[in-house]
N, C-alpha and C. Protein backbone atom coordinates (compact mmCIF):
# COMPACT_ATOMS: atom_id res chain seq x y z
N MET A 1 0.83 -1.18 0.00
CA MET A 1 0.01 -0.01 -0.01
C MET A 1 0.88 1.25 -0.02
N THR A 2 0.65 2.16 -0.90
CA THR A 2 1.41 3.39 -0.97
C THR A 2 0.72 4.45 -0.18
N THR A 3 1.53 5.34 0.38
CA THR A 3 0.95 6.44 1.17
C THR A 3 0.98 7.71 0.33
N GLY A 4 0.06 8.54 0.57
CA GLY A 4 -0.04 9.78 -0.17
C GLY A 4 0.93 10.80 0.38
N ARG A 5 1.03 11.88 -0.35
CA ARG A 5 1.98 12.98 -0.02
C ARG A 5 1.66 13.51 1.36
N ARG A 6 0.41 13.72 1.70
CA ARG A 6 0.01 14.29 2.99
C ARG A 6 0.47 13.33 4.15
N GLU A 7 0.24 12.02 3.99
CA GLU A 7 0.63 11.07 4.99
C GLU A 7 2.16 11.06 5.19
N ARG A 8 2.88 11.12 4.04
CA ARG A 8 4.36 11.13 4.14
C ARG A 8 4.83 12.38 4.83
N LYS A 9 4.19 13.51 4.54
CA LYS A 9 4.60 14.76 5.17
C LYS A 9 4.33 14.75 6.67
N LYS A 10 3.18 14.16 7.06
CA LYS A 10 2.87 14.03 8.50
C LYS A 10 3.89 13.17 9.19
N ALA A 11 4.26 12.04 8.56
CA ALA A 11 5.22 11.14 9.15
C ALA A 11 6.57 11.79 9.24
N GLN A 12 6.94 12.61 8.26
CA GLN A 12 8.22 13.30 8.26
C GLN A 12 8.24 14.34 9.40
N THR A 13 7.16 15.08 9.61
CA THR A 13 7.08 16.05 10.70
C THR A 13 7.15 15.33 12.06
N ARG A 14 6.42 14.22 12.18
CA ARG A 14 6.37 13.46 13.41
C ARG A 14 7.76 12.97 13.74
N ARG A 15 8.49 12.46 12.73
CA ARG A 15 9.87 11.93 12.92
C ARG A 15 10.78 13.09 13.33
N ALA A 16 10.65 14.26 12.68
CA ALA A 16 11.51 15.42 13.03
C ALA A 16 11.27 15.84 14.47
N LEU A 17 10.01 15.81 14.90
CA LEU A 17 9.69 16.16 16.29
C LEU A 17 10.30 15.14 17.26
N ALA A 18 10.16 13.89 16.96
CA ALA A 18 10.72 12.86 17.84
C ALA A 18 12.25 12.95 17.93
N GLU A 19 12.91 13.15 16.78
CA GLU A 19 14.37 13.28 16.80
C GLU A 19 14.83 14.53 17.57
N ALA A 20 14.10 15.63 17.41
CA ALA A 20 14.43 16.83 18.16
C ALA A 20 14.25 16.60 19.65
N ALA A 21 13.18 15.97 20.03
CA ALA A 21 12.90 15.72 21.44
C ALA A 21 13.99 14.83 22.05
N VAL A 22 14.32 13.75 21.40
CA VAL A 22 15.38 12.86 21.91
C VAL A 22 16.69 13.61 22.05
N ARG A 23 17.05 14.36 21.04
CA ARG A 23 18.30 15.11 21.05
C ARG A 23 18.33 16.13 22.22
N LEU A 24 17.24 16.89 22.34
CA LEU A 24 17.19 17.92 23.42
C LEU A 24 17.10 17.29 24.79
N PHE A 25 16.33 16.21 24.94
CA PHE A 25 16.25 15.53 26.23
C PHE A 25 17.60 15.01 26.64
N ALA A 26 18.35 14.46 25.69
CA ALA A 26 19.67 13.89 25.97
C ALA A 26 20.64 15.00 26.37
N GLU A 27 20.52 16.13 25.75
CA GLU A 27 21.46 17.27 26.05
C GLU A 27 21.12 18.00 27.31
N HIS A 28 19.81 18.21 27.56
CA HIS A 28 19.43 19.11 28.64
C HIS A 28 18.58 18.45 29.75
N GLY A 29 18.30 17.15 29.57
CA GLY A 29 17.43 16.50 30.51
C GLY A 29 15.98 16.74 30.18
N TYR A 30 15.13 15.81 30.47
CA TYR A 30 13.70 15.93 30.14
C TYR A 30 13.11 17.20 30.74
N ASP A 31 13.34 17.48 32.04
CA ASP A 31 12.76 18.62 32.70
C ASP A 31 13.36 19.95 32.23
N GLY A 32 14.53 19.91 31.56
CA GLY A 32 15.15 21.11 31.09
C GLY A 32 14.75 21.53 29.69
N VAL A 33 13.73 20.84 29.14
CA VAL A 33 13.31 21.12 27.78
C VAL A 33 11.84 21.49 27.74
N THR A 34 11.49 22.52 27.00
CA THR A 34 10.09 22.92 26.87
C THR A 34 9.54 22.43 25.50
N VAL A 35 8.25 22.37 25.39
CA VAL A 35 7.58 22.06 24.17
C VAL A 35 7.98 23.10 23.08
N ALA A 36 8.07 24.32 23.45
CA ALA A 36 8.47 25.37 22.48
C ALA A 36 9.84 25.15 21.97
N GLN A 37 10.77 24.69 22.82
CA GLN A 37 12.13 24.45 22.32
C GLN A 37 12.14 23.26 21.33
N ILE A 38 11.34 22.27 21.60
CA ILE A 38 11.30 21.11 20.71
C ILE A 38 10.69 21.53 19.34
N ALA A 39 9.62 22.32 19.40
CA ALA A 39 9.00 22.80 18.17
C ALA A 39 10.01 23.61 17.36
N ASP A 40 10.73 24.49 18.06
CA ASP A 40 11.72 25.34 17.39
C ASP A 40 12.81 24.47 16.74
N GLU A 41 13.30 23.51 17.47
CA GLU A 41 14.37 22.61 16.97
C GLU A 41 13.91 21.83 15.75
N ALA A 42 12.60 21.47 15.69
CA ALA A 42 12.07 20.72 14.55
C ALA A 42 11.57 21.67 13.47
N ASP A 43 11.68 22.98 13.70
CA ASP A 43 11.24 24.00 12.74
C ASP A 43 9.78 23.92 12.43
N VAL A 44 8.98 23.80 13.49
CA VAL A 44 7.51 23.81 13.37
C VAL A 44 6.97 24.72 14.49
N SER A 45 5.74 25.11 14.36
CA SER A 45 5.10 25.92 15.41
C SER A 45 4.67 24.99 16.54
N VAL A 46 4.42 25.57 17.72
CA VAL A 46 3.89 24.82 18.85
C VAL A 46 2.53 24.23 18.49
N ALA A 47 1.73 24.96 17.76
CA ALA A 47 0.41 24.45 17.36
C ALA A 47 0.55 23.23 16.47
N THR A 48 1.55 23.24 15.57
CA THR A 48 1.79 22.10 14.72
C THR A 48 2.26 20.91 15.55
N LEU A 49 3.11 21.18 16.53
CA LEU A 49 3.56 20.09 17.40
C LEU A 49 2.36 19.41 18.05
N PHE A 50 1.47 20.22 18.63
CA PHE A 50 0.29 19.64 19.32
C PHE A 50 -0.69 19.00 18.34
N ALA A 51 -0.71 19.46 17.09
CA ALA A 51 -1.53 18.81 16.11
C ALA A 51 -1.05 17.39 15.78
N HIS A 52 0.25 17.21 15.87
CA HIS A 52 0.87 15.89 15.61
C HIS A 52 0.93 15.04 16.87
N VAL A 53 1.08 15.68 17.98
CA VAL A 53 1.23 14.99 19.26
C VAL A 53 0.38 15.66 20.34
N PRO A 54 -0.90 15.36 20.37
CA PRO A 54 -1.82 16.06 21.30
C PRO A 54 -1.48 15.81 22.76
N ASP A 55 -0.81 14.66 23.08
CA ASP A 55 -0.45 14.36 24.49
C ASP A 55 0.71 15.17 24.98
N GLY A 56 1.37 15.92 24.12
CA GLY A 56 2.46 16.78 24.54
C GLY A 56 3.79 16.13 24.70
N LYS A 57 4.63 16.73 25.50
CA LYS A 57 6.03 16.40 25.60
C LYS A 57 6.26 14.92 25.93
N ASP A 58 5.46 14.32 26.82
CA ASP A 58 5.64 12.92 27.20
C ASP A 58 5.52 11.98 25.97
N ALA A 59 4.66 12.30 25.06
CA ALA A 59 4.36 11.41 23.97
C ALA A 59 5.26 11.59 22.75
N LEU A 60 6.09 12.61 22.74
CA LEU A 60 6.84 12.91 21.52
C LEU A 60 7.73 11.81 20.99
N ILE A 61 8.31 11.01 21.84
CA ILE A 61 9.24 10.03 21.34
C ILE A 61 8.64 8.61 21.20
N PHE A 62 7.30 8.53 21.31
CA PHE A 62 6.64 7.23 21.25
C PHE A 62 5.73 7.20 20.02
N ASP A 63 5.45 5.96 19.53
CA ASP A 63 4.40 5.78 18.55
C ASP A 63 3.08 5.83 19.30
N ASP A 64 2.00 5.66 18.63
CA ASP A 64 0.67 5.76 19.29
C ASP A 64 0.25 4.48 19.99
N GLY A 65 1.07 3.43 19.92
CA GLY A 65 0.77 2.19 20.61
C GLY A 65 -0.01 1.20 19.76
N ASP A 66 -0.52 1.62 18.65
CA ASP A 66 -1.31 0.67 17.80
C ASP A 66 -0.47 -0.49 17.29
N GLU A 67 0.77 -0.23 16.94
CA GLU A 67 1.62 -1.30 16.45
C GLU A 67 1.87 -2.33 17.58
N ARG A 68 1.97 -1.88 18.77
CA ARG A 68 2.15 -2.77 19.94
C ARG A 68 1.02 -3.76 20.03
N HIS A 69 -0.21 -3.28 19.85
CA HIS A 69 -1.39 -4.16 19.88
C HIS A 69 -1.24 -5.27 18.87
N VAL A 70 -0.81 -4.87 17.68
CA VAL A 70 -0.70 -5.82 16.55
C VAL A 70 0.36 -6.89 16.83
N TRP A 71 1.55 -6.50 17.23
CA TRP A 71 2.60 -7.50 17.38
C TRP A 71 2.42 -8.34 18.64
N LEU A 72 1.77 -7.80 19.66
CA LEU A 72 1.47 -8.66 20.85
C LEU A 72 0.44 -9.72 20.49
N ALA A 73 -0.62 -9.32 19.78
CA ALA A 73 -1.64 -10.30 19.34
C ALA A 73 -1.02 -11.32 18.40
N ALA A 74 -0.18 -10.87 17.50
CA ALA A 74 0.43 -11.81 16.54
C ALA A 74 1.32 -12.80 17.26
N ALA A 75 2.03 -12.35 18.30
CA ALA A 75 2.90 -13.27 19.05
C ALA A 75 2.09 -14.42 19.63
N VAL A 76 0.88 -14.14 20.09
CA VAL A 76 0.03 -15.15 20.69
C VAL A 76 -0.67 -16.00 19.61
N LEU A 77 -1.26 -15.32 18.64
CA LEU A 77 -2.08 -16.03 17.66
C LEU A 77 -1.28 -16.76 16.60
N ASP A 78 -0.07 -16.27 16.29
CA ASP A 78 0.73 -16.87 15.25
C ASP A 78 1.89 -17.70 15.80
N ARG A 79 1.86 -18.05 17.04
CA ARG A 79 2.96 -18.78 17.68
C ARG A 79 3.04 -20.20 17.06
N PRO A 80 4.23 -20.75 17.06
CA PRO A 80 4.43 -22.13 16.50
C PRO A 80 3.64 -23.16 17.34
N ALA A 81 3.24 -24.22 16.68
CA ALA A 81 2.54 -25.31 17.37
C ALA A 81 3.41 -25.78 18.52
N GLY A 82 2.79 -26.00 19.64
CA GLY A 82 3.49 -26.53 20.81
C GLY A 82 4.10 -25.45 21.69
N GLN A 83 4.13 -24.21 21.22
CA GLN A 83 4.68 -23.13 22.04
C GLN A 83 3.59 -22.52 22.90
N SER A 84 3.85 -22.37 24.19
CA SER A 84 2.80 -21.81 25.09
C SER A 84 2.64 -20.34 24.83
N VAL A 85 1.49 -19.84 25.25
CA VAL A 85 1.20 -18.42 25.15
C VAL A 85 2.29 -17.61 25.88
N LEU A 86 2.61 -18.06 27.06
CA LEU A 86 3.66 -17.32 27.85
C LEU A 86 5.02 -17.34 27.18
N GLU A 87 5.40 -18.45 26.58
CA GLU A 87 6.67 -18.50 25.90
C GLU A 87 6.68 -17.57 24.69
N ALA A 88 5.56 -17.51 23.97
CA ALA A 88 5.43 -16.65 22.81
C ALA A 88 5.57 -15.21 23.24
N LEU A 89 4.95 -14.86 24.34
CA LEU A 89 5.01 -13.46 24.84
C LEU A 89 6.40 -13.15 25.37
N ARG A 90 7.02 -14.13 26.02
CA ARG A 90 8.41 -13.91 26.54
C ARG A 90 9.33 -13.61 25.34
N ARG A 91 9.26 -14.40 24.30
CA ARG A 91 10.11 -14.18 23.14
C ARG A 91 9.81 -12.84 22.48
N CYS A 92 8.56 -12.49 22.39
CA CYS A 92 8.13 -11.23 21.79
C CYS A 92 8.75 -10.06 22.55
N LEU A 93 8.58 -10.03 23.86
CA LEU A 93 9.08 -8.92 24.67
C LEU A 93 10.62 -8.90 24.70
N ALA A 94 11.25 -10.07 24.68
CA ALA A 94 12.71 -10.15 24.75
C ALA A 94 13.37 -9.48 23.56
N ALA A 95 12.64 -9.37 22.47
CA ALA A 95 13.21 -8.77 21.26
C ALA A 95 12.95 -7.26 21.17
N ARG A 96 12.36 -6.68 22.17
CA ARG A 96 11.96 -5.28 22.11
C ARG A 96 12.41 -4.44 23.32
N GLY A 97 12.42 -3.13 23.07
CA GLY A 97 12.64 -2.18 24.14
C GLY A 97 13.84 -2.48 25.01
N PRO A 98 13.63 -2.40 26.32
CA PRO A 98 14.80 -2.52 27.25
C PRO A 98 15.39 -3.92 27.25
N PHE A 99 14.70 -4.89 26.64
CA PHE A 99 15.16 -6.28 26.69
C PHE A 99 15.95 -6.69 25.47
N ALA A 100 15.87 -5.92 24.38
CA ALA A 100 16.53 -6.27 23.15
C ALA A 100 18.06 -6.17 23.31
N ALA A 101 18.72 -7.21 22.87
CA ALA A 101 20.21 -7.28 23.02
C ALA A 101 20.92 -6.33 22.01
N ALA A 102 20.45 -6.33 20.81
CA ALA A 102 21.15 -5.60 19.77
C ALA A 102 20.25 -4.53 19.17
N LEU A 103 20.34 -3.33 19.72
CA LEU A 103 19.59 -2.20 19.20
C LEU A 103 20.53 -1.26 18.46
N PRO A 104 20.09 -0.65 17.40
CA PRO A 104 20.89 0.40 16.75
C PRO A 104 21.14 1.52 17.77
N PRO A 105 22.24 2.27 17.63
CA PRO A 105 22.60 3.29 18.62
C PRO A 105 21.46 4.30 18.90
N GLU A 106 20.75 4.74 17.85
CA GLU A 106 19.68 5.71 18.10
C GLU A 106 18.55 5.12 18.95
N GLN A 107 18.21 3.88 18.70
CA GLN A 107 17.14 3.23 19.49
C GLN A 107 17.62 2.99 20.89
N ARG A 108 18.90 2.61 21.06
CA ARG A 108 19.45 2.40 22.41
C ARG A 108 19.43 3.71 23.20
N ARG A 109 19.79 4.80 22.53
CA ARG A 109 19.79 6.10 23.18
C ARG A 109 18.35 6.46 23.64
N LYS A 110 17.38 6.20 22.82
CA LYS A 110 15.98 6.46 23.13
C LYS A 110 15.52 5.57 24.29
N ARG A 111 15.86 4.31 24.22
CA ARG A 111 15.52 3.36 25.29
C ARG A 111 16.10 3.81 26.63
N ASP A 112 17.36 4.17 26.63
CA ASP A 112 18.06 4.59 27.86
C ASP A 112 17.42 5.87 28.42
N LEU A 113 17.02 6.79 27.54
CA LEU A 113 16.36 8.01 27.95
C LEU A 113 15.03 7.68 28.64
N ILE A 114 14.27 6.76 28.06
CA ILE A 114 12.97 6.39 28.65
C ILE A 114 13.21 5.74 30.02
N VAL A 115 14.12 4.83 30.13
CA VAL A 115 14.38 4.13 31.39
C VAL A 115 14.82 5.11 32.47
N ARG A 116 15.59 6.14 32.10
CA ARG A 116 16.12 7.09 33.09
C ARG A 116 15.14 8.21 33.49
N THR A 117 14.05 8.36 32.69
CA THR A 117 13.16 9.52 32.90
C THR A 117 11.81 9.09 33.40
N PRO A 118 11.49 9.37 34.68
CA PRO A 118 10.21 8.89 35.23
C PRO A 118 8.96 9.25 34.40
N ALA A 119 8.88 10.48 33.90
CA ALA A 119 7.70 10.85 33.13
C ALA A 119 7.60 10.02 31.84
N LEU A 120 8.71 9.76 31.20
CA LEU A 120 8.71 8.95 29.99
C LEU A 120 8.40 7.49 30.30
N ARG A 121 8.91 6.99 31.41
CA ARG A 121 8.59 5.60 31.82
C ARG A 121 7.10 5.45 32.08
N GLU A 122 6.50 6.45 32.73
CA GLU A 122 5.09 6.38 33.04
C GLU A 122 4.26 6.47 31.77
N TYR A 123 4.66 7.30 30.85
CA TYR A 123 3.92 7.36 29.56
C TYR A 123 4.04 6.05 28.81
N SER A 124 5.23 5.48 28.83
CA SER A 124 5.44 4.17 28.20
C SER A 124 4.55 3.13 28.84
N ARG A 125 4.47 3.16 30.16
CA ARG A 125 3.60 2.18 30.88
C ARG A 125 2.15 2.32 30.46
N ARG A 126 1.69 3.57 30.30
CA ARG A 126 0.32 3.76 29.85
C ARG A 126 0.06 3.18 28.50
N LEU A 127 1.06 3.32 27.57
CA LEU A 127 0.91 2.74 26.26
C LEU A 127 0.83 1.18 26.36
N TRP A 128 1.67 0.61 27.24
CA TRP A 128 1.63 -0.83 27.40
C TRP A 128 0.27 -1.23 27.94
N ILE A 129 -0.21 -0.61 28.98
CA ILE A 129 -1.47 -1.02 29.62
C ILE A 129 -2.62 -0.82 28.66
N ALA A 130 -2.55 0.11 27.74
CA ALA A 130 -3.61 0.31 26.76
C ALA A 130 -3.78 -0.90 25.83
N ALA A 131 -2.80 -1.78 25.84
CA ALA A 131 -2.87 -3.01 25.01
C ALA A 131 -3.56 -4.15 25.76
N GLU A 132 -4.06 -3.89 26.96
CA GLU A 132 -4.64 -4.99 27.74
C GLU A 132 -5.80 -5.67 27.05
N ARG A 133 -6.74 -4.91 26.58
CA ARG A 133 -7.94 -5.54 25.96
C ARG A 133 -7.53 -6.34 24.71
N PRO A 134 -6.77 -5.75 23.75
CA PRO A 134 -6.41 -6.54 22.58
C PRO A 134 -5.60 -7.81 22.95
N LEU A 135 -4.70 -7.67 23.92
CA LEU A 135 -3.96 -8.86 24.33
C LEU A 135 -4.83 -9.90 24.97
N ALA A 136 -5.74 -9.44 25.82
CA ALA A 136 -6.68 -10.42 26.47
C ALA A 136 -7.53 -11.10 25.41
N GLU A 137 -7.93 -10.37 24.40
CA GLU A 137 -8.73 -10.99 23.33
C GLU A 137 -7.90 -12.05 22.57
N ALA A 138 -6.65 -11.76 22.34
CA ALA A 138 -5.79 -12.74 21.65
C ALA A 138 -5.56 -13.98 22.51
N ILE A 139 -5.29 -13.76 23.81
CA ILE A 139 -5.09 -14.86 24.70
C ILE A 139 -6.36 -15.70 24.80
N ALA A 140 -7.53 -15.06 24.88
CA ALA A 140 -8.78 -15.76 24.92
C ALA A 140 -8.99 -16.59 23.66
N ALA A 141 -8.73 -16.01 22.50
CA ALA A 141 -8.91 -16.71 21.26
C ALA A 141 -7.97 -17.93 21.15
N ALA A 142 -6.77 -17.78 21.69
CA ALA A 142 -5.78 -18.86 21.62
C ALA A 142 -6.05 -19.95 22.60
N THR A 143 -6.78 -19.66 23.68
CA THR A 143 -6.97 -20.65 24.76
C THR A 143 -8.41 -21.12 24.90
N GLY A 144 -9.31 -20.59 24.04
CA GLY A 144 -10.71 -21.01 24.14
C GLY A 144 -11.45 -20.46 25.32
N ARG A 145 -10.97 -19.39 25.88
CA ARG A 145 -11.62 -18.74 27.00
C ARG A 145 -12.27 -17.41 26.58
N GLU A 146 -12.99 -16.85 27.45
CA GLU A 146 -13.59 -15.55 27.19
C GLU A 146 -12.60 -14.40 27.52
N ALA A 147 -12.60 -13.35 26.72
CA ALA A 147 -11.70 -12.24 26.98
C ALA A 147 -12.03 -11.55 28.32
N ALA A 148 -13.30 -11.64 28.77
CA ALA A 148 -13.69 -11.04 30.03
C ALA A 148 -13.31 -11.91 31.25
N ASP A 149 -12.85 -13.12 31.01
CA ASP A 149 -12.42 -14.05 32.10
C ASP A 149 -11.35 -13.34 32.91
N MET A 150 -11.50 -13.27 34.23
CA MET A 150 -10.53 -12.57 35.06
C MET A 150 -9.13 -13.11 34.91
N THR A 151 -8.98 -14.44 34.73
CA THR A 151 -7.64 -15.00 34.61
C THR A 151 -7.00 -14.54 33.31
N VAL A 152 -7.77 -14.44 32.27
CA VAL A 152 -7.21 -13.95 30.98
C VAL A 152 -6.84 -12.49 31.10
N ARG A 153 -7.69 -11.68 31.67
CA ARG A 153 -7.38 -10.26 31.84
C ARG A 153 -6.21 -10.05 32.77
N ALA A 154 -6.12 -10.87 33.84
CA ALA A 154 -4.98 -10.75 34.76
C ALA A 154 -3.68 -11.09 34.05
N LEU A 155 -3.69 -12.20 33.30
CA LEU A 155 -2.45 -12.58 32.62
C LEU A 155 -2.03 -11.48 31.66
N ALA A 156 -2.97 -10.95 30.87
CA ALA A 156 -2.64 -9.85 29.98
C ALA A 156 -2.01 -8.66 30.75
N ARG A 157 -2.64 -8.28 31.84
CA ARG A 157 -2.12 -7.14 32.62
C ARG A 157 -0.72 -7.45 33.21
N TYR A 158 -0.54 -8.64 33.75
CA TYR A 158 0.76 -9.02 34.31
C TYR A 158 1.86 -8.91 33.24
N VAL A 159 1.59 -9.44 32.06
CA VAL A 159 2.59 -9.42 30.99
C VAL A 159 2.88 -7.97 30.58
N LEU A 160 1.85 -7.15 30.56
CA LEU A 160 2.04 -5.75 30.13
C LEU A 160 2.73 -4.88 31.17
N GLU A 161 2.78 -5.34 32.41
CA GLU A 161 3.51 -4.61 33.48
C GLU A 161 5.00 -4.93 33.44
N ILE A 162 5.40 -6.00 32.79
CA ILE A 162 6.78 -6.46 32.78
C ILE A 162 7.74 -5.36 32.28
N PRO A 163 7.46 -4.69 31.15
CA PRO A 163 8.45 -3.67 30.72
C PRO A 163 8.75 -2.61 31.77
N GLU A 164 7.73 -2.14 32.45
CA GLU A 164 7.97 -1.14 33.50
C GLU A 164 8.70 -1.74 34.70
N LEU A 165 8.28 -2.91 35.10
CA LEU A 165 8.82 -3.53 36.29
C LEU A 165 10.29 -3.98 36.08
N ALA A 166 10.54 -4.64 34.97
CA ALA A 166 11.85 -5.22 34.71
C ALA A 166 12.77 -4.38 33.90
N GLY A 167 12.22 -3.45 33.15
CA GLY A 167 12.98 -2.67 32.17
C GLY A 167 14.07 -1.81 32.76
N ALA A 168 13.94 -1.36 34.00
CA ALA A 168 14.92 -0.50 34.63
C ALA A 168 15.90 -1.25 35.51
N GLU A 169 15.78 -2.56 35.58
CA GLU A 169 16.70 -3.39 36.35
C GLU A 169 18.10 -3.36 35.74
N PRO A 170 19.14 -3.62 36.54
CA PRO A 170 20.50 -3.65 35.97
C PRO A 170 20.62 -4.65 34.86
N ASP A 171 19.93 -5.78 34.89
CA ASP A 171 19.96 -6.74 33.82
C ASP A 171 18.50 -6.97 33.41
N PRO A 172 17.95 -6.12 32.54
CA PRO A 172 16.55 -6.20 32.19
C PRO A 172 16.12 -7.57 31.65
N ARG A 173 16.98 -8.21 30.85
CA ARG A 173 16.61 -9.51 30.28
C ARG A 173 16.49 -10.58 31.37
N ALA A 174 17.38 -10.57 32.33
CA ALA A 174 17.30 -11.54 33.43
C ALA A 174 16.06 -11.28 34.25
N ALA A 175 15.68 -10.01 34.44
CA ALA A 175 14.48 -9.66 35.16
C ALA A 175 13.24 -10.12 34.42
N LEU A 176 13.24 -9.93 33.08
CA LEU A 176 12.15 -10.41 32.25
C LEU A 176 11.98 -11.90 32.40
N ASP A 177 13.08 -12.65 32.33
CA ASP A 177 13.00 -14.10 32.47
C ASP A 177 12.52 -14.51 33.84
N ALA A 178 12.96 -13.79 34.89
CA ALA A 178 12.50 -14.15 36.22
C ALA A 178 10.99 -13.99 36.36
N VAL A 179 10.44 -12.92 35.80
CA VAL A 179 9.00 -12.69 35.87
C VAL A 179 8.26 -13.76 35.05
N PHE A 180 8.73 -14.04 33.86
CA PHE A 180 8.06 -15.09 33.05
C PHE A 180 8.20 -16.49 33.73
N ASP A 181 9.32 -16.75 34.34
CA ASP A 181 9.50 -18.02 35.06
C ASP A 181 8.47 -18.13 36.20
N LEU A 182 8.24 -17.04 36.87
CA LEU A 182 7.23 -16.99 37.94
C LEU A 182 5.84 -17.22 37.38
N LEU A 183 5.51 -16.54 36.30
CA LEU A 183 4.20 -16.70 35.68
C LEU A 183 3.99 -18.14 35.22
N GLU A 184 5.03 -18.75 34.68
CA GLU A 184 4.89 -20.10 34.17
C GLU A 184 4.81 -21.19 35.25
N SER A 185 5.48 -20.95 36.38
CA SER A 185 5.49 -21.97 37.43
C SER A 185 4.64 -21.67 38.64
N GLY A 186 4.24 -20.44 38.81
CA GLY A 186 3.48 -20.05 39.98
C GLY A 186 4.42 -19.65 41.12
N TRP A 187 3.84 -19.16 42.16
CA TRP A 187 4.63 -18.67 43.29
C TRP A 187 5.09 -19.86 44.10
N PRO A 188 6.41 -20.05 44.27
CA PRO A 188 6.89 -21.21 45.06
C PRO A 188 6.83 -20.90 46.56
N GLU A 189 6.20 -21.81 47.25
CA GLU A 189 6.15 -21.69 48.73
C GLU A 189 7.51 -22.10 49.32
N PRO A 190 7.98 -21.37 50.37
CA PRO A 190 9.23 -21.75 50.98
C PRO A 190 9.14 -23.18 51.58
N ALA A 191 10.23 -23.90 51.57
CA ALA A 191 10.23 -25.26 52.10
C ALA A 191 10.20 -25.29 53.61
């Protein structure tokens, strides 16, 4: 599918805003940068910035979360035969964000900025949690349960909390694995 000139121009402006925000946040810290400075750096007006990113400064370096819904559902629904839902989700998350081993320098810089900045981490968490319903629907479809089933909804929520919980740990991948190990085996009682 080809995109029109208008869509390409919007994407270009959105990319320029995100790049300016990352650059300024890295140089001056998140709290040391205003929306006006970001708009100026990207050579757009503040009104244009808000037209592209209505949620403001917190949202500038993130996508809208729709892609997240798609790849989370695909991880569950398109998993290989014999692979559990939890293993599919573990592999999916391990390849992204704070858990990815090999990120290009620009993505690593953005990831580190998010992990270090409380406001950006909280915005990221909101994007993850917004995927709860689509993920619950995918888990329900894969397991023959109802999406409204509390256990399905709980599992979706627990998985979506992992990036915030484990992403800032000194070894995010080990933390991710520890949480998935717990979900897969249940809480072990002390002997």
